[in-house]
C-alpha atoms as a PDB file:
ATOM      1  CA  MET A   1       0.225  -9.027 -12.469  1.00  0.00           C
ATOM      2  CA  LYS A   2       2.959 -10.935 -14.232  1.00  0.00           C
ATOM      3  CA  SER A   3       6.497 -10.052 -13.993  1.00  0.00           C
ATOM      4  CA  ILE A   4       8.111  -8.962 -17.334  1.00  0.00           C
ATOM      5  CA  GLN A   5      11.876  -9.916 -17.840  1.00  0.00           C
ATOM      6  CA  ALA A   6      13.799  -7.472 -19.421  1.00  0.00           C
ATOM      7  CA  VAL A   7      17.345  -7.251 -20.461  1.00  0.00           C
ATOM      8  CA  SER A   8      18.981  -8.147 -17.380  1.00  0.00           C
ATOM      9  CA  TYR A   9      16.319  -7.460 -14.618  1.00  0.00           C
ATOM     10  CA  PRO A  10      12.712  -8.002 -14.035  1.00  0.00           C
ATOM     11  CA  VAL A  11      10.136  -6.070 -13.761  1.00  0.00           C
ATOM     12  CA  HIS A  12       7.993  -7.172 -10.481  1.00  0.00           C
ATOM     13  CA  PHE A  13       4.388  -5.760  -9.544  1.00  0.00           C
ATOM     14  CA  GLN A  14       2.211  -4.944  -7.093  1.00  0.00           C
ATOM     15  CA  ASP A  15       2.407  -7.245  -3.530  1.00  0.00           C
ATOM     16  CA  LYS A  16       5.115  -9.880  -5.551  1.00  0.00           C
ATOM     17  CA  ALA A  17       7.241  -7.159  -6.449  1.00  0.00           C
ATOM     18  CA  TYR A  18       7.861  -6.370  -2.483  1.00  0.00           C
ATOM     19  CA  GLN A  19       8.170 -10.406  -1.945  1.00  0.00           C
ATOM     20  CA  GLU A  20      11.140 -10.569  -4.784  1.00  0.00           C
ATOM     21  CA  LEU A  21      12.730  -7.093  -3.308  1.00  0.00           C
ATOM     22  CA  SER A  22      12.841  -8.425  -0.232  1.00  0.00           C
ATOM     23  CA  VAL A  23      14.487 -11.435  -1.449  1.00  0.00           C
ATOM     24  CA  LEU A  24      17.164  -9.549  -3.627  1.00  0.00           C
ATOM     25  CA  ILE A  25      18.180  -7.621  -0.491  1.00  0.00           C
ATOM     26  CA  SER A  26      18.756 -11.062   1.722  1.00  0.00           C
ATOM     27  CA  LYS A  27      20.262 -12.783  -1.204  1.00  0.00           C
ATOM     28  CA  ASN A  28      22.590 -10.104  -1.872  1.00  0.00           C
ATOM     29  CA  ASN A  29      23.410  -9.522   1.345  1.00  0.00           C
ATOM     30  CA  TYR A  30      23.727  -5.711   0.777  1.00  0.00           C
ATOM     31  CA  SER A  31      25.686  -3.473   3.469  1.00  0.00           C
ATOM     32  CA  THR A  32      23.177  -0.494   3.630  1.00  0.00           C
ATOM     33  CA  LEU A  33      19.954   0.598   1.963  1.00  0.00           C
ATOM     34  CA  PHE A  34      20.075   4.055   0.520  1.00  0.00           C
ATOM     35  CA  ILE A  35      16.327   5.434  -0.527  1.00  0.00           C
ATOM     36  CA  LEU A  36      16.589   8.580  -2.952  1.00  0.00           C
ATOM     37  CA  VAL A  37      13.210  10.681  -2.247  1.00  0.00           C
ATOM     38  CA  ASP A  38      12.110  13.974  -2.657  1.00  0.00           C
ATOM     39  CA  GLU A  39      10.195  15.831  -0.885  1.00  0.00           C
ATOM     40  CA  HIS A  40       7.292  14.875  -2.757  1.00  0.00           C
ATOM     41  CA  THR A  41       7.685  10.857  -2.084  1.00  0.00           C
ATOM     42  CA  LEU A  42       9.029  10.999   1.167  1.00  0.00           C
ATOM     43  CA  GLU A  43       5.662  12.351   2.472  1.00  0.00           C
ATOM     44  CA  ASP A  44       3.655  10.568   0.194  1.00  0.00           C
ATOM     45  CA  CYS A  45       5.191   7.534  -0.914  1.00  0.00           C
ATOM     46  CA  TYR A  46       7.825   6.509   1.607  1.00  0.00           C
ATOM     47  CA  PRO A  47       5.194   5.622   4.395  1.00  0.00           C
ATOM     48  CA  LYS A  48       3.678   3.575   1.781  1.00  0.00           C
ATOM     49  CA  PHE A  49       6.765   1.461   0.882  1.00  0.00           C
ATOM     50  CA  ILE A  50       8.309   1.078   4.064  1.00  0.00           C
ATOM     51  CA  PRO A  51       5.921  -1.236   5.640  1.00  0.00           C
ATOM     52  CA  ASN A  52       6.510  -3.661   3.057  1.00  0.00           C
ATOM     53  CA  LEU A  53       9.917  -3.490   3.389  1.00  0.00           C
ATOM     54  CA  GLU A  54      11.098  -6.670   5.214  1.00  0.00           C
ATOM     55  CA  THR A  55      14.578  -6.507   5.624  1.00  0.00           C
ATOM     56  CA  ASP A  56      16.901  -5.771   9.272  1.00  0.00           C
ATOM     57  CA  LYS A  57      19.831  -3.993   7.011  1.00  0.00           C
ATOM     58  CA  GLN A  58      20.368  -0.406   8.139  1.00  0.00           C
ATOM     59  CA  ILE A  59      18.362   2.017   6.145  1.00  0.00           C
ATOM     60  CA  GLU A  60      19.150   5.614   5.062  1.00  0.00           C
ATOM     61  CA  LEU A  61      17.141   8.436   3.566  1.00  0.00           C
ATOM     62  CA  ILE A  62      18.585  10.867   0.979  1.00  0.00           C
ATOM     63  CA  GLU A  63      16.374  13.407   0.365  1.00  0.00           C
ATOM     64  CA  ILE A  64      16.930  16.020  -3.170  1.00  0.00           C
ATOM     65  CA  GLU A  65      14.055  18.687  -3.911  1.00  0.00           C
ATOM     66  CA  SER A  66      11.731  17.973  -6.733  1.00  0.00           C
ATOM     67  CA  GLY A  67      11.612  19.044 -10.143  1.00  0.00           C
ATOM     68  CA  GLU A  68      13.461  18.711 -13.384  1.00  0.00           C
ATOM     69  CA  ILE A  69      15.432  21.937 -12.521  1.00  0.00           C
ATOM     70  CA  ASN A  70      17.121  19.841 -10.179  1.00  0.00           C
ATOM     71  CA  LYS A  71      18.063  16.680 -12.542  1.00  0.00           C
ATOM     72  CA  ASN A  72      21.492  18.074 -12.451  1.00  0.00           C
ATOM     73  CA  LEU A  73      25.518  17.267 -11.816  1.00  0.00           C
ATOM     74  CA  GLU A  74      25.096  19.801  -8.674  1.00  0.00           C
ATOM     75  CA  THR A  75      22.593  17.376  -6.968  1.00  0.00           C
ATOM     76  CA  CYS A  76      24.543  14.257  -8.180  1.00  0.00           C
ATOM     77  CA  ILE A  77      27.288  15.404  -6.086  1.00  0.00           C
ATOM     78  CA  GLY A  78      25.079  16.108  -3.007  1.00  0.00           C
ATOM     79  CA  VAL A  79      23.790  12.686  -3.365  1.00  0.00           C
ATOM     80  CA  TRP A  80      27.417  11.142  -3.793  1.00  0.00           C
ATOM     81  CA  ASN A  81      28.593  12.848  -0.437  1.00  0.00           C
ATOM     82  CA  ALA A  82      25.356  12.027   1.054  1.00  0.00           C
ATOM     83  CA  ILE A  83      26.374   8.553   0.372  1.00  0.00           C
ATOM     84  CA  THR A  84      29.715   8.597   1.869  1.00  0.00           C
ATOM     85  CA  GLU A  85      28.966  10.239   4.764  1.00  0.00           C
ATOM     86  CA  LEU A  86      26.705   7.762   5.456  1.00  0.00           C
ATOM     87  CA  GLY A  87      29.306   4.527   5.005  1.00  0.00           C
ATOM     88  CA  GLY A  88      28.286   3.990   1.502  1.00  0.00           C
ATOM     89  CA  ASP A  89      30.372   1.080  -0.148  1.00  0.00           C
ATOM     90  CA  ARG A  90      30.689  -1.192  -2.971  1.00  0.00           C
ATOM     91  CA  LYS A  91      28.146  -3.364  -1.555  1.00  0.00           C
ATOM     92  CA  SER A  92      25.189  -0.300  -0.724  1.00  0.00           C
ATOM     93  CA  LEU A  93      22.398  -0.987  -2.742  1.00  0.00           C
ATOM     94  CA  LEU A  94      20.584   2.248  -4.095  1.00  0.00           C
ATOM     95  CA  ILE A  95      16.612   2.431  -4.061  1.00  0.00           C
ATOM     96  CA  THR A  96      14.933   4.936  -6.464  1.00  0.00           C
ATOM     97  CA  LEU A  97      11.551   5.813  -4.736  1.00  0.00           C
ATOM     98  CA  GLY A  98      10.188   8.694  -7.070  1.00  0.00           C
ATOM     99  CA  GLY A  99       9.517  10.373 -10.793  1.00  0.00           C
ATOM    100  CA  GLY A 100      11.741  10.316 -13.483  1.00  0.00           C
ATOM    101  CA  VAL A 101      13.496  12.677 -12.196  1.00  0.00           C
ATOM    102  CA  ILE A 102      14.725  10.542  -9.164  1.00  0.00           C
ATOM    103  CA  THR A 103      14.795   7.214 -11.259  1.00  0.00           C
ATOM    104  CA  ASP A 104      16.870   9.099 -13.887  1.00  0.00           C
ATOM    105  CA  LEU A 105      18.917  10.571 -11.653  1.00  0.00           C
ATOM    106  CA  GLY A 106      19.042   8.000  -9.135  1.00  0.00           C
ATOM    107  CA  GLY A 107      20.057   5.459 -11.666  1.00  0.00           C
ATOM    108  CA  PHE A 108      22.973   7.583 -12.894  1.00  0.00           C
ATOM    109  CA  VAL A 109      24.398   8.304  -9.298  1.00  0.00           C
ATOM    110  CA  ALA A 110      24.399   4.392  -8.607  1.00  0.00           C
ATOM    111  CA  SER A 111      26.178   3.795 -11.858  1.00  0.00           C
ATOM    112  CA  CYS A 112      29.111   6.017 -11.130  1.00  0.00           C
ATOM    113  CA  PHE A 113      29.504   5.765  -7.183  1.00  0.00           C
ATOM    114  CA  LYS A 114      32.338   3.630  -6.935  1.00  0.00           C
ATOM    115  CA  ARG A 115      32.418   2.499 -10.296  1.00  0.00           C
ATOM    116  CA  GLY A 116      28.708   1.131  -9.851  1.00  0.00           C
ATOM    117  CA  ILE A 117      26.611  -0.016  -6.667  1.00  0.00           C
ATOM    118  CA  ASP A 118      23.193  -1.601  -7.593  1.00  0.00           C
ATOM    119  CA  PHE A 119      19.731  -0.119  -7.547  1.00  0.00           C
ATOM    120  CA  VAL A 120      16.583  -0.616  -7.626  1.00  0.00           C
ATOM    121  CA  ASN A 121      13.587   1.443  -9.380  1.00  0.00           C
ATOM    122  CA  ILE A 122      10.260   2.421  -7.836  1.00  0.00           C
ATOM    123  CA  PRO A 123       8.279   4.540  -9.791  1.00  0.00           C
ATOM    124  CA  THR A 124       5.519   6.527  -8.355  1.00  0.00           C
ATOM    125  CA  THR A 125       4.126   8.257 -11.672  1.00  0.00           C
ATOM    126  CA  LEU A 126       2.501   6.928 -14.571  1.00  0.00           C
ATOM    127  CA  LEU A 127       5.377   8.321 -16.625  1.00  0.00           C
ATOM    128  CA  ALA A 128       8.274   6.860 -14.341  1.00  0.00           C
ATOM    129  CA  MET A 129       6.213   3.469 -14.771  1.00  0.00           C
ATOM    130  CA  VAL A 130       5.630   2.874 -18.106  1.00  0.00           C
ATOM    131  CA  ASP A 131       8.811   4.842 -19.481  1.00  0.00           C
ATOM    132  CA  ALA A 132      11.843   6.389 -17.323  1.00  0.00           C
ATOM    133  CA  SER A 133      12.080   3.409 -15.000  1.00  0.00           C
ATOM    134  CA  VAL A 134      12.565   0.783 -17.723  1.00  0.00           C
ATOM    135  CA  GLY A 135      15.147   0.690 -20.548  1.00  0.00           C
ATOM    136  CA  GLY A 136      18.605   1.368 -18.660  1.00  0.00           C
ATOM    137  CA  LYS A 137      19.004   4.921 -19.575  1.00  0.00           C
ATOM    138  CA  THR A 138      20.277   6.903 -16.869  1.00  0.00           C
ATOM    139  CA  GLY A 139      21.331  10.664 -16.574  1.00  0.00           C
ATOM    140  CA  VAL A 140      20.935  14.109 -15.808  1.00  0.00           C
ATOM    141  CA  ASP A 141      20.534  17.206 -17.906  1.00  0.00           C
ATOM    142  CA  LEU A 142      23.002  20.169 -18.949  1.00  0.00           C
ATOM    143  CA  GLY A 143      21.906  23.504 -18.158  1.00  0.00           C
ATOM    144  CA  VAL A 144      18.800  23.625 -19.736  1.00  0.00           C
ATOM    145  CA  LEU A 145      19.680  20.704 -22.132  1.00  0.00           C
ATOM    146  CA  LYS A 146      18.229  17.538 -21.608  1.00  0.00           C
ATOM    147  CA  ASN A 147      19.897  14.043 -20.494  1.00  0.00           C
ATOM    148  CA  GLN A 148      23.004  15.574 -21.800  1.00  0.00           C
ATOM    149  CA  ILE A 149      24.969  13.360 -19.112  1.00  0.00           C
ATOM    150  CA  GLY A 150      24.100   9.421 -18.567  1.00  0.00           C
ATOM    151  CA  VAL A 151      25.197   5.908 -18.723  1.00  0.00           C
ATOM    152  CA  PHE A 152      23.452   2.803 -20.102  1.00  0.00           C
ATOM    153  CA  ALA A 153      22.996   0.724 -16.625  1.00  0.00           C
ATOM    154  CA  ASN A 154      20.238  -1.467 -15.136  1.00  0.00           C
ATOM    155  CA  PRO A 155      18.762  -1.852 -12.288  1.00  0.00           C
ATOM    156  CA  GLU A 156      18.951  -5.015 -10.122  1.00  0.00           C
ATOM    157  CA  MET A 157      14.863  -4.704 -10.738  1.00  0.00           C
ATOM    158  CA  VAL A 158      12.027  -2.508 -10.958  1.00  0.00           C
ATOM    159  CA  LEU A 159       8.856  -2.697  -8.721  1.00  0.00           C
ATOM    160  CA  VAL A 160       5.953  -1.207 -10.116  1.00  0.00           C
ATOM    161  CA  ASP A 161       2.659  -0.734  -7.529  1.00  0.00           C
ATOM    162  CA  PRO A 162       0.323   1.001  -8.875  1.00  0.00           C
ATOM    163  CA  GLU A 163      -0.751   2.150  -5.451  1.00  0.00           C
ATOM    164  CA  TYR A 164       1.794   5.067  -5.498  1.00  0.00           C
ATOM    165  CA  LEU A 165      -0.278   6.748  -8.320  1.00  0.00           C
ATOM    166  CA  THR A 166      -3.254   7.750  -5.489  1.00  0.00           C
ATOM    167  CA  THR A 167      -0.331  10.229  -4.601  1.00  0.00           C
ATOM    168  CA  VAL A 168       0.289  12.217  -7.890  1.00  0.00           C
ATOM    169  CA  SER A 169      -2.205  14.794  -9.258  1.00  0.00           C
ATOM    170  CA  GLU A 170      -4.397  14.203 -11.952  1.00  0.00           C
ATOM    171  CA  ARG A 171      -1.865  16.842 -14.606  1.00  0.00           C
ATOM    172  CA  GLU A 172       0.802  14.017 -13.532  1.00  0.00           C
ATOM    173  CA  MET A 173      -1.063  11.522 -14.719  1.00  0.00           C
ATOM    174  CA  LYS A 174      -1.860  12.698 -17.762  1.00  0.00           C
ATOM    175  CA  SER A 175       1.925  13.796 -18.374  1.00  0.00           C
ATOM    176  CA  GLY A 176       2.186   9.877 -18.189  1.00  0.00           C
ATOM    177  CA  MET A 177      -0.228   9.315 -20.922  1.00  0.00           C
ATOM    178  CA  ALA A 178       1.758  10.801 -23.358  1.00  0.00           C
ATOM    179  CA  GLU A 179       4.357   8.290 -23.338  1.00  0.00           C
ATOM    180  CA  ILE A 180       1.605   5.278 -23.254  1.00  0.00           C
ATOM    181  CA  ILE A 181      -0.013   7.143 -26.646  1.00  0.00           C
ATOM    182  CA  LYS A 182       3.597   7.347 -28.405  1.00  0.00           C
ATOM    183  CA  TYR A 183       3.405   3.262 -27.786  1.00  0.00           C
ATOM    184  CA  GLY A 184       0.316   3.419 -29.684  1.00  0.00           C
ATOM    185  CA  ILE A 185       1.457   5.467 -32.753  1.00  0.00           C
ATOM    186  CA  THR A 186       4.910   3.879 -33.118  1.00  0.00           C
ATOM    187  CA  TYR A 187       4.116   0.003 -32.418  1.00  0.00           C
ATOM    188  CA  ASP A 188       0.949  -1.073 -31.329  1.00  0.00           C
ATOM    189  CA  VAL A 189      -2.303   1.071 -33.594  1.00  0.00           C
ATOM    190  CA  LYS A 190      -4.829  -1.567 -31.303  1.00  0.00           C
ATOM    191  CA  LEU A 191      -3.340   0.426 -28.130  1.00  0.00           C
ATOM    192  CA  LEU A 192      -3.911   3.809 -29.612  1.00  0.00           C
ATOM    193  CA  HIS A 193      -7.285   2.809 -30.641  1.00  0.00           C
ATOM    194  CA  ALA A 194      -8.222   1.560 -27.643  1.00  0.00           C
ATOM    195  CA  ILE A 195      -7.295   4.549 -26.054  1.00  0.00           C
ATOM    196  CA  ARG A 196      -9.264   6.786 -28.444  1.00  0.00           C
ATOM    197  CA  ASP A 197     -12.266   4.514 -27.880  1.00  0.00           C
ATOM    198  CA  ASP A 198     -12.532   3.746 -24.590  1.00  0.00           C
ATOM    199  CA  LYS A 199     -12.326   6.464 -21.868  1.00  0.00           C
ATOM    200  CA  ASP A 200     -12.574   3.824 -19.034  1.00  0.00           C
ATOM    201  CA  LEU A 201      -9.452   1.621 -19.771  1.00  0.00           C
ATOM    202  CA  ASN A 202      -8.184  -0.277 -17.022  1.00  0.00           C
ATOM    203  CA  LEU A 203      -4.944   1.631 -15.912  1.00  0.00           C
ATOM    204  CA  ASN A 204      -3.335  -1.279 -14.549  1.00  0.00           C
ATOM    205  CA  ASP A 205      -3.328  -3.435 -18.569  1.00  0.00           C
ATOM    206  CA  LEU A 206      -2.356   0.159 -19.528  1.00  0.00           C
ATOM    207  CA  ILE A 207       0.772   0.111 -17.882  1.00  0.00           C
ATOM    208  CA  VAL A 208       1.689  -3.389 -17.827  1.00  0.00           C
ATOM    209  CA  ARG A 209       1.272  -3.295 -22.086  1.00  0.00           C
ATOM    210  CA  SER A 210       3.255   0.093 -22.209  1.00  0.00           C
ATOM    211  CA  ILE A 211       6.247  -1.634 -20.592  1.00  0.00           C
ATOM    212  CA  GLU A 212       5.750  -4.782 -22.421  1.00  0.00           C
ATOM    213  CA  ILE A 213       6.025  -2.095 -25.912  1.00  0.00           C
ATOM    214  CA  LYS A 214       9.357  -0.693 -24.630  1.00  0.00           C
ATOM    215  CA  ASN A 215      10.398  -3.908 -23.374  1.00  0.00           C
ATOM    216  CA  GLU A 216      10.260  -6.001 -26.896  1.00  0.00           C
ATOM    217  CA  VAL A 217      11.781  -2.597 -28.371  1.00  0.00           C
ATOM    218  CA  VAL A 218      14.946  -2.557 -25.642  1.00  0.00           C
ATOM    219  CA  LEU A 219      15.632  -6.307 -26.238  1.00  0.00           C
ATOM    220  CA  GLN A 220      15.861  -5.721 -29.518  1.00  0.00           C
ATOM    221  CA  ASP A 221      18.692  -3.065 -29.580  1.00  0.00           C
ATOM    222  CA  PRO A 222      19.701  -1.900 -26.033  1.00  0.00           C
ATOM    223  CA  LYS A 223      22.098   0.717 -27.151  1.00  0.00           C
ATOM    224  CA  GLU A 224      19.352   3.088 -29.623  1.00  0.00           C
ATOM    225  CA  LYS A 225      21.499   2.118 -32.606  1.00  0.00           C
ATOM    226  CA  ASN A 226      18.273   1.349 -34.407  1.00  0.00           C
ATOM    227  CA  ILE A 227      14.662   0.198 -33.870  1.00  0.00           C
ATOM    228  CA  ARG A 228      14.803   1.468 -30.558  1.00  0.00           C
ATOM    229  CA  LYS A 229      14.534   5.333 -31.773  1.00  0.00           C
ATOM    230  CA  ILE A 230      11.378   4.991 -32.372  1.00  0.00           C
ATOM    231  CA  LEU A 231      10.574   5.205 -28.729  1.00  0.00           C
ATOM    232  CA  ASN A 232      12.052   9.101 -29.470  1.00  0.00           C
ATOM    233  CA  PHE A 233       9.179   9.862 -31.247  1.00  0.00           C
ATOM    234  CA  GLY A 234       7.823  13.070 -29.867  1.00  0.00           C
ATOM    235  CA  HIS A 235      11.172  13.797 -28.075  1.00  0.00           C
ATOM    236  CA  THR A 236      13.469  15.764 -30.255  1.00  0.00           C
ATOM    237  CA  LEU A 237      10.999  18.670 -30.737  1.00  0.00           C
ATOM    238  CA  GLY A 238       9.626  17.866 -27.059  1.00  0.00           C
ATOM    239  CA  HIS A 239      13.224  18.147 -25.513  1.00  0.00           C
ATOM    240  CA  ALA A 240      13.042  21.213 -27.164  1.00  0.00           C
ATOM    241  CA  ILE A 241      10.130  22.812 -26.132  1.00  0.00           C
ATOM    242  CA  GLU A 242      11.237  21.700 -22.620  1.00  0.00           C
ATOM    243  CA  SER A 243      14.052  23.512 -22.614  1.00  0.00           C
ATOM    244  CA  PHE A 244      13.043  26.591 -24.215  1.00  0.00           C
ATOM    245  CA  TYR A 245      10.348  25.889 -20.353  1.00  0.00           C
ATOM    246  CA  LEU A 246      12.995  26.089 -18.545  1.00  0.00           C
ATOM    247  CA  ALA A 247      15.366  28.274 -19.830  1.00  0.00           C
ATOM    248  CA  SER A 248      12.487  30.730 -19.236  1.00  0.00           C
ATOM    249  CA  ALA A 249      12.170  32.162 -15.817  1.00  0.00           C
ATOM    250  CA  ASN A 250       8.667  33.713 -16.577  1.00  0.00           C
ATOM    251  CA  LYS A 251       7.229  30.865 -17.899  1.00  0.00           C
ATOM    252  CA  GLU A 252       5.632  28.239 -16.148  1.00  0.00           C
ATOM    253  CA  ASN A 253       7.217  24.905 -16.765  1.00  0.00           C
ATOM    254  CA  LEU A 254       5.338  21.874 -19.008  1.00  0.00           C
ATOM    255  CA  THR A 255       5.447  18.734 -17.520  1.00  0.00           C
ATOM    256  CA  HIS A 256       7.394  16.011 -19.823  1.00  0.00           C
ATOM    257  CA  GLY A 257       4.446  14.572 -21.267  1.00  0.00           C
ATOM    258  CA  GLU A 258       2.867  18.226 -22.124  1.00  0.00           C
ATOM    259  CA  ALA A 259       6.016  19.049 -23.957  1.00  0.00           C
ATOM    260  CA  ILE A 260       6.359  15.526 -25.614  1.00  0.00           C
ATOM    261  CA  ALA A 261       2.617  15.443 -26.571  1.00  0.00           C
ATOM    262  CA  ILE A 262       3.284  18.749 -28.157  1.00  0.00           C
ATOM    263  CA  GLY A 263       6.251  17.221 -30.205  1.00  0.00           C
ATOM    264  CA  MET A 264       4.440  14.474 -31.441  1.00  0.00           C
ATOM    265  CA  VAL A 265       2.203  16.511 -33.344  1.00  0.00           C
ATOM    266  CA  CYS A 266       4.587  18.528 -34.697  1.00  0.00           C
ATOM    267  CA  GLU A 267       6.378  15.833 -35.758  1.00  0.00           C
ATOM    268  CA  SER A 268       3.430  14.359 -37.259  1.00  0.00           C
ATOM    269  CA  TYR A 269       3.146  17.243 -39.547  1.00  0.00           C
ATOM    270  CA  MET A 270       6.611  17.373 -40.254  1.00  0.00           C
ATOM    271  CA  SER A 271       6.378  13.661 -41.566  1.00  0.00           C
ATOM    272  CA  ALA A 272       3.177  14.351 -43.316  1.00  0.00           C
ATOM    273  CA  ALA A 273       5.187  17.367 -45.180  1.00  0.00           C
ATOM    274  CA  LEU A 274       8.852  16.003 -45.944  1.00  0.00           C
ATOM    275  CA  LEU A 275       7.975  11.958 -45.990  1.00  0.00           C
ATOM    276  CA  GLY A 276       4.151  11.718 -46.765  1.00  0.00           C
ATOM    277  CA  PHE A 277       2.984  10.138 -44.058  1.00  0.00           C
ATOM    278  CA  PRO A 278      -0.565  10.135 -44.301  1.00  0.00           C
ATOM    279  CA  LYS A 279      -2.680  13.296 -43.424  1.00  0.00           C
ATOM    280  CA  ALA A 280      -5.228  11.470 -42.097  1.00  0.00           C
ATOM    281  CA  ASN A 281      -3.189   9.918 -39.729  1.00  0.00           C
ATOM    282  CA  VAL A 282      -1.296  13.160 -38.561  1.00  0.00           C
ATOM    283  CA  THR A 283      -5.225  14.232 -38.153  1.00  0.00           C
ATOM    284  CA  GLU A 284      -6.122  11.092 -36.129  1.00  0.00           C
ATOM    285  CA  ILE A 285      -2.866  11.328 -33.688  1.00  0.00           C
ATOM    286  CA  LYS A 286      -3.960  15.304 -33.399  1.00  0.00           C
ATOM    287  CA  SER A 287      -7.384  14.438 -32.259  1.00  0.00           C
ATOM    288  CA  ILE A 288      -6.522  11.448 -29.909  1.00  0.00           C
ATOM    289  CA  ILE A 289      -3.968  13.990 -28.523  1.00  0.00           C
ATOM    290  CA  LEU A 290      -6.043  16.739 -28.298  1.00  0.00           C
ATOM    291  CA  ASP A 291      -8.898  15.006 -26.328  1.00  0.00           C
ATOM    292  CA  ILE A 292      -6.702  14.812 -23.450  1.00  0.00           C
ATOM    293  CA  TYR A 293      -4.787  17.852 -23.801  1.00  0.00           C
ATOM    294  CA  PRO A 294      -7.201  20.565 -24.452  1.00  0.00           C
ATOM    295  CA  LYS A 295      -6.099  23.553 -26.082  1.00  0.00           C
END
């Protein structure tokens, strides 16, 4: 799998990615490597990652609790305190090993600690691989309001290894498909039709194409002033739906992808009603989404 050059950092895949990470660590002579995990990636992904890390640098693990409910400033403060207590300095490197919560929060933590230390994203879920870890957005939620606090900050590199997907549930895999469908609807109709017509798609190809699309858009509009806003399709309503479920203690939380899938269907209907978006396209979008996310 070929590497992809983003705005100011590369996205590397599989074995080459680990080689490039070792080169980066050696070249920049980091003082300490901090690896941010949650309880799931500590158990399932860290044992897969650490044998591939060739370095004699000091390694420190920092574990946070998983879930969107913990993507907040309180968790950030805990991580900042841990880095400080473990001797972190401006020459430290933070490696985020996890899904979108870990990469979003970890990037924000790194961008603020001592006014910014280097970080590397290693996404371990499909959603994080195709969306959250690429593009330079970092941040946390404010109460139940999604991504209210954050900055644009780019990692030194993104390491994508689909082997980590063997550790995630079918529901989480489907969650990631929502972002891939979004790219098909907003940017590449051939991708959308491939999803519609072929149930045995090559997952690696889907991941690479999704990252290529997001990168092509972000290169044109890094700070989301214009065309990058297409990547928010499904998210305006989807985030509101997600926040509603986060605020409702008696409801089972939706995954991010499930909320975005609902948002894409709703926004398609709104586009038809308000802007004349073809109803045939609305029907097609709804059909593709319901095929993956049955009622």
